[in-house]
Amino acid sequence: MEDYQRVAVVTGANKGIGVETVRQLAASGGVTVVLTARDERRGADATAELHRMGLSNVVFHQLDVTDSDSIASLARFIGSSFGRLDIFVCFFHSLYIVFLLNDQIFTI
């Protein structure tokens, strides 16, 4: 059996369809999910709730998708913690973050 843990990032994931996407990815097994949210308290609360459900493979990182420094911070976190990104789910109306995040990860 392969011991490969995929890494996923879900933006806007502190409530609604975002947090449900995180829950389903984390429950599927073999995926570490980075839950991101602009509001640090709400993101941390959502992560804590998922941990209470037994989903310890969820981690939180603050992200404001309109701020390039925030995107760079997430990219550094992903690069240093995991070295790659396998799944990216963006609940935001622009794909600009995908290009910035991709550029940041591959220049770390």
N, C-alpha and C. Protein backbone atom coordinates (compact mmCIF):
# COMPACT_ATOMS: atom_id res chain seq x y z
N MET A 1 0.84 -1.18 0.00
CA MET A 1 0.00 0.00 0.00
C MET A 1 0.88 1.24 0.00
N GLU A 2 0.55 2.21 -0.83
CA GLU A 2 1.32 3.43 -0.95
C GLU A 2 1.09 4.35 0.24
N ASP A 3 2.19 4.91 0.77
CA ASP A 3 2.10 5.81 1.91
C ASP A 3 2.28 7.25 1.43
N TYR A 4 1.52 7.64 0.41
CA TYR A 4 1.63 8.96 -0.20
C TYR A 4 0.47 9.82 0.27
N GLN A 5 0.79 10.91 0.91
CA GLN A 5 -0.22 11.83 1.41
C GLN A 5 -0.31 13.02 0.46
N ARG A 6 -1.45 13.17 -0.20
CA ARG A 6 -1.64 14.33 -1.07
C ARG A 6 -1.87 15.57 -0.22
N VAL A 7 -1.58 16.72 -0.81
CA VAL A 7 -1.75 18.00 -0.12
C VAL A 7 -2.76 18.84 -0.89
N ALA A 8 -3.78 19.32 -0.18
CA ALA A 8 -4.83 20.14 -0.79
C ALA A 8 -4.92 21.48 -0.09
N VAL A 9 -5.25 22.51 -0.84
CA VAL A 9 -5.56 23.83 -0.29
C VAL A 9 -6.98 24.17 -0.72
N VAL A 10 -7.77 24.64 0.23
CA VAL A 10 -9.12 25.11 -0.08
C VAL A 10 -9.22 26.55 0.42
N THR A 11 -9.52 27.47 -0.50
CA THR A 11 -9.65 28.88 -0.12
C THR A 11 -11.08 29.17 0.31
N GLY A 12 -11.22 30.20 1.14
CA GLY A 12 -12.56 30.58 1.60
C GLY A 12 -13.27 29.45 2.29
N ALA A 13 -12.55 28.75 3.18
CA ALA A 13 -13.04 27.47 3.68
C ALA A 13 -13.53 27.49 5.12
N ASN A 14 -13.85 28.66 5.66
CA ASN A 14 -14.27 28.68 7.05
C ASN A 14 -15.77 28.45 7.25
N LYS A 15 -16.54 28.38 6.15
CA LYS A 15 -17.98 28.13 6.30
C LYS A 15 -18.54 27.60 4.99
N GLY A 16 -19.78 27.18 5.03
CA GLY A 16 -20.51 26.79 3.83
C GLY A 16 -19.86 25.70 3.01
N ILE A 17 -19.91 25.89 1.69
CA ILE A 17 -19.39 24.87 0.77
C ILE A 17 -17.88 24.71 0.92
N GLY A 18 -17.19 25.77 1.34
CA GLY A 18 -15.75 25.67 1.54
C GLY A 18 -15.38 24.70 2.64
N VAL A 19 -15.99 24.86 3.81
CA VAL A 19 -15.67 23.96 4.93
C VAL A 19 -16.17 22.55 4.65
N GLU A 20 -17.27 22.42 3.93
CA GLU A 20 -17.75 21.08 3.57
C GLU A 20 -16.79 20.39 2.61
N THR A 21 -16.21 21.15 1.70
CA THR A 21 -15.20 20.59 0.79
C THR A 21 -13.99 20.12 1.58
N VAL A 22 -13.55 20.91 2.54
CA VAL A 22 -12.44 20.51 3.41
C VAL A 22 -12.80 19.22 4.14
N ARG A 23 -13.99 19.17 4.71
CA ARG A 23 -14.41 17.99 5.47
C ARG A 23 -14.38 16.74 4.60
N GLN A 24 -14.91 16.84 3.40
CA GLN A 24 -14.96 15.67 2.52
C GLN A 24 -13.57 15.25 2.06
N LEU A 25 -12.72 16.20 1.72
CA LEU A 25 -11.35 15.85 1.33
C LEU A 25 -10.62 15.18 2.48
N ALA A 26 -10.74 15.76 3.68
CA ALA A 26 -10.04 15.21 4.84
C ALA A 26 -10.57 13.82 5.20
N ALA A 27 -11.87 13.62 5.08
CA ALA A 27 -12.48 12.33 5.41
C ALA A 27 -12.17 11.26 4.37
N SER A 28 -11.78 11.67 3.18
CA SER A 28 -11.52 10.69 2.11
C SER A 28 -10.25 9.88 2.36
N GLY A 29 -9.38 10.38 3.21
CA GLY A 29 -8.14 9.68 3.53
C GLY A 29 -7.05 9.98 2.52
N GLY A 30 -5.83 10.00 3.00
CA GLY A 30 -4.70 10.23 2.11
C GLY A 30 -4.51 11.66 1.67
N VAL A 31 -5.20 12.60 2.33
CA VAL A 31 -5.09 14.01 1.96
C VAL A 31 -4.90 14.85 3.22
N THR A 32 -3.85 15.66 3.22
CA THR A 32 -3.71 16.71 4.23
C THR A 32 -4.32 17.96 3.62
N VAL A 33 -5.24 18.59 4.33
CA VAL A 33 -5.96 19.73 3.78
C VAL A 33 -5.58 21.01 4.53
N VAL A 34 -5.17 22.00 3.76
CA VAL A 34 -4.89 23.33 4.31
C VAL A 34 -6.16 24.16 4.12
N LEU A 35 -6.84 24.42 5.22
CA LEU A 35 -8.03 25.25 5.23
C LEU A 35 -7.57 26.70 5.29
N THR A 36 -8.02 27.53 4.36
CA THR A 36 -7.64 28.94 4.39
C THR A 36 -8.87 29.81 4.53
N ALA A 37 -8.67 30.94 5.18
CA ALA A 37 -9.73 31.93 5.35
C ALA A 37 -9.09 33.28 5.60
N ARG A 38 -9.78 34.32 5.22
CA ARG A 38 -9.27 35.68 5.45
C ARG A 38 -9.30 36.02 6.93
N ASP A 39 -10.38 35.63 7.62
CA ASP A 39 -10.54 35.93 9.04
C ASP A 39 -9.88 34.82 9.86
N GLU A 40 -8.81 35.19 10.56
CA GLU A 40 -8.03 34.19 11.29
C GLU A 40 -8.84 33.45 12.35
N ARG A 41 -9.67 34.17 13.09
CA ARG A 41 -10.47 33.52 14.14
C ARG A 41 -11.45 32.52 13.54
N ARG A 42 -12.15 32.92 12.49
CA ARG A 42 -13.12 32.02 11.87
C ARG A 42 -12.43 30.80 11.27
N GLY A 43 -11.29 31.00 10.66
CA GLY A 43 -10.54 29.87 10.10
C GLY A 43 -10.08 28.91 11.18
N ALA A 44 -9.56 29.47 12.28
CA ALA A 44 -9.11 28.63 13.39
C ALA A 44 -10.29 27.89 14.03
N ASP A 45 -11.42 28.58 14.16
CA ASP A 45 -12.62 27.93 14.72
C ASP A 45 -13.10 26.78 13.83
N ALA A 46 -13.11 27.00 12.52
CA ALA A 46 -13.54 25.94 11.59
C ALA A 46 -12.59 24.75 11.66
N THR A 47 -11.30 25.03 11.76
CA THR A 47 -10.31 23.95 11.86
C THR A 47 -10.50 23.18 13.16
N ALA A 48 -10.72 23.89 14.26
CA ALA A 48 -10.94 23.24 15.55
C ALA A 48 -12.17 22.34 15.51
N GLU A 49 -13.23 22.80 14.86
CA GLU A 49 -14.45 21.98 14.74
C GLU A 49 -14.17 20.71 13.95
N LEU A 50 -13.41 20.82 12.87
CA LEU A 50 -13.05 19.63 12.08
C LEU A 50 -12.18 18.68 12.90
N HIS A 51 -11.29 19.22 13.72
CA HIS A 51 -10.48 18.37 14.60
C HIS A 51 -11.37 17.63 15.59
N ARG A 52 -12.39 18.32 16.12
CA ARG A 52 -13.33 17.66 17.04
C ARG A 52 -14.08 16.52 16.36
N MET A 53 -14.22 16.59 15.05
CA MET A 53 -14.86 15.51 14.27
C MET A 53 -13.88 14.38 14.00
N GLY A 54 -12.65 14.51 14.48
CA GLY A 54 -11.65 13.47 14.26
C GLY A 54 -10.80 13.67 13.02
N LEU A 55 -10.90 14.82 12.38
CA LEU A 55 -10.15 15.09 11.15
C LEU A 55 -8.88 15.88 11.49
N SER A 56 -7.89 15.16 12.00
CA SER A 56 -6.64 15.80 12.43
C SER A 56 -5.74 16.17 11.26
N ASN A 57 -6.10 15.77 10.06
CA ASN A 57 -5.30 16.05 8.87
C ASN A 57 -5.68 17.38 8.21
N VAL A 58 -6.29 18.27 8.99
CA VAL A 58 -6.64 19.61 8.52
C VAL A 58 -5.78 20.62 9.28
N VAL A 59 -5.15 21.52 8.54
CA VAL A 59 -4.37 22.59 9.15
C VAL A 59 -4.90 23.92 8.62
N PHE A 60 -4.73 24.96 9.41
CA PHE A 60 -5.22 26.28 9.01
C PHE A 60 -4.06 27.20 8.64
N HIS A 61 -4.28 28.00 7.61
CA HIS A 61 -3.36 29.09 7.29
C HIS A 61 -4.20 30.27 6.82
N GLN A 62 -3.96 31.43 7.42
CA GLN A 62 -4.68 32.64 7.04
C GLN A 62 -4.34 33.01 5.60
N LEU A 63 -5.34 33.43 4.84
CA LEU A 63 -5.13 33.83 3.45
C LEU A 63 -6.14 34.88 3.04
N ASP A 64 -5.62 36.00 2.56
CA ASP A 64 -6.45 37.01 1.90
C ASP A 64 -6.09 36.95 0.43
N VAL A 65 -6.98 36.42 -0.38
CA VAL A 65 -6.67 36.19 -1.80
C VAL A 65 -6.48 37.47 -2.59
N THR A 66 -6.78 38.61 -2.00
CA THR A 66 -6.57 39.89 -2.69
C THR A 66 -5.23 40.52 -2.33
N ASP A 67 -4.45 39.86 -1.49
CA ASP A 67 -3.19 40.41 -0.99
C ASP A 67 -2.03 39.52 -1.43
N SER A 68 -1.16 40.02 -2.29
CA SER A 68 -0.07 39.20 -2.82
C SER A 68 0.90 38.76 -1.73
N ASP A 69 1.08 39.55 -0.66
CA ASP A 69 1.94 39.12 0.44
C ASP A 69 1.33 37.94 1.19
N SER A 70 0.02 37.94 1.33
CA SER A 70 -0.67 36.83 1.98
C SER A 70 -0.56 35.56 1.14
N ILE A 71 -0.67 35.71 -0.17
CA ILE A 71 -0.52 34.57 -1.08
C ILE A 71 0.90 34.03 -1.00
N ALA A 72 1.89 34.93 -0.96
CA ALA A 72 3.29 34.51 -0.85
C ALA A 72 3.53 33.77 0.46
N SER A 73 2.91 34.23 1.54
CA SER A 73 3.04 33.57 2.83
C SER A 73 2.50 32.15 2.78
N LEU A 74 1.34 31.98 2.15
CA LEU A 74 0.78 30.63 1.99
C LEU A 74 1.70 29.75 1.16
N ALA A 75 2.24 30.30 0.09
CA ALA A 75 3.14 29.52 -0.77
C ALA A 75 4.38 29.08 0.01
N ARG A 76 4.94 29.98 0.81
CA ARG A 76 6.11 29.61 1.63
C ARG A 76 5.74 28.51 2.62
N PHE A 77 4.56 28.62 3.23
CA PHE A 77 4.10 27.61 4.18
C PHE A 77 3.96 26.25 3.50
N ILE A 78 3.33 26.23 2.34
CA ILE A 78 3.15 24.97 1.61
C ILE A 78 4.51 24.40 1.20
N GLY A 79 5.37 25.25 0.68
CA GLY A 79 6.69 24.80 0.25
C GLY A 79 7.50 24.23 1.39
N SER A 80 7.53 24.92 2.53
CA SER A 80 8.35 24.45 3.65
C SER A 80 7.72 23.28 4.39
N SER A 81 6.40 23.23 4.44
CA SER A 81 5.73 22.16 5.19
C SER A 81 5.54 20.88 4.38
N PHE A 82 5.29 21.02 3.08
CA PHE A 82 4.91 19.86 2.27
C PHE A 82 5.75 19.68 1.01
N GLY A 83 6.31 20.76 0.49
CA GLY A 83 7.14 20.67 -0.71
C GLY A 83 6.38 20.56 -2.02
N ARG A 84 5.07 20.57 -1.94
CA ARG A 84 4.27 20.45 -3.17
C ARG A 84 2.81 20.75 -2.85
N LEU A 85 2.03 20.89 -3.91
CA LEU A 85 0.59 21.07 -3.79
C LEU A 85 -0.06 20.21 -4.86
N ASP A 86 -0.94 19.30 -4.43
CA ASP A 86 -1.57 18.36 -5.36
C ASP A 86 -2.98 18.78 -5.77
N ILE A 87 -3.72 19.40 -4.86
CA ILE A 87 -5.12 19.75 -5.11
C ILE A 87 -5.32 21.20 -4.68
N PHE A 88 -5.97 21.98 -5.54
CA PHE A 88 -6.26 23.38 -5.22
C PHE A 88 -7.72 23.66 -5.53
N VAL A 89 -8.48 24.04 -4.49
CA VAL A 89 -9.89 24.36 -4.66
C VAL A 89 -10.06 25.83 -4.29
N CYS A 90 -10.49 26.61 -5.24
CA CYS A 90 -10.56 28.07 -5.07
C CYS A 90 -12.01 28.53 -5.06
N PHE A 91 -12.49 28.94 -3.89
CA PHE A 91 -13.83 29.52 -3.79
C PHE A 91 -13.68 31.04 -3.80
N PHE A 92 -13.24 31.53 -4.93
CA PHE A 92 -13.05 32.96 -5.13
C PHE A 92 -13.30 33.22 -6.60
N HIS A 93 -13.73 34.39 -6.95
CA HIS A 93 -14.17 34.69 -8.31
C HIS A 93 -13.05 34.99 -9.29
N SER A 94 -11.82 34.75 -8.91
CA SER A 94 -10.71 35.05 -9.81
C SER A 94 -9.69 33.93 -9.73
N LEU A 95 -9.10 33.62 -10.86
CA LEU A 95 -8.04 32.61 -10.87
C LEU A 95 -6.66 33.24 -10.71
N TYR A 96 -6.62 34.54 -10.47
CA TYR A 96 -5.35 35.24 -10.28
C TYR A 96 -4.50 34.58 -9.20
N ILE A 97 -5.14 34.16 -8.11
CA ILE A 97 -4.40 33.51 -7.02
C ILE A 97 -3.70 32.24 -7.50
N VAL A 98 -4.31 31.50 -8.39
CA VAL A 98 -3.70 30.26 -8.89
C VAL A 98 -2.36 30.57 -9.53
N PHE A 99 -2.31 31.60 -10.34
CA PHE A 99 -1.07 31.96 -11.01
C PHE A 99 -0.03 32.46 -10.02
N LEU A 100 -0.43 33.28 -9.06
CA LEU A 100 0.50 33.78 -8.05
C LEU A 100 1.02 32.66 -7.17
N LEU A 101 0.11 31.80 -6.71
CA LEU A 101 0.49 30.70 -5.83
C LEU A 101 1.42 29.74 -6.56
N ASN A 102 1.10 29.39 -7.78
CA ASN A 102 1.93 28.50 -8.58
C ASN A 102 3.33 29.08 -8.74
N ASP A 103 3.43 30.35 -9.07
CA ASP A 103 4.71 31.01 -9.24
C ASP A 103 5.51 31.00 -7.94
N GLN A 104 4.85 31.26 -6.81
CA GLN A 104 5.52 31.30 -5.52
C GLN A 104 6.03 29.92 -5.11
N ILE A 105 5.23 28.89 -5.29
CA ILE A 105 5.64 27.54 -4.87
C ILE A 105 6.86 27.08 -5.64
N PHE A 106 6.89 27.35 -6.93
CA PHE A 106 7.98 26.85 -7.74
C PHE A 106 9.23 27.71 -7.68
N THR A 107 9.18 28.84 -6.97
CA THR A 107 10.38 29.65 -6.80
C THR A 107 10.95 29.54 -5.40
N ILE A 108 10.35 28.72 -4.55
CA ILE A 108 10.84 28.53 -3.18
C ILE A 108 12.05 27.61 -3.20
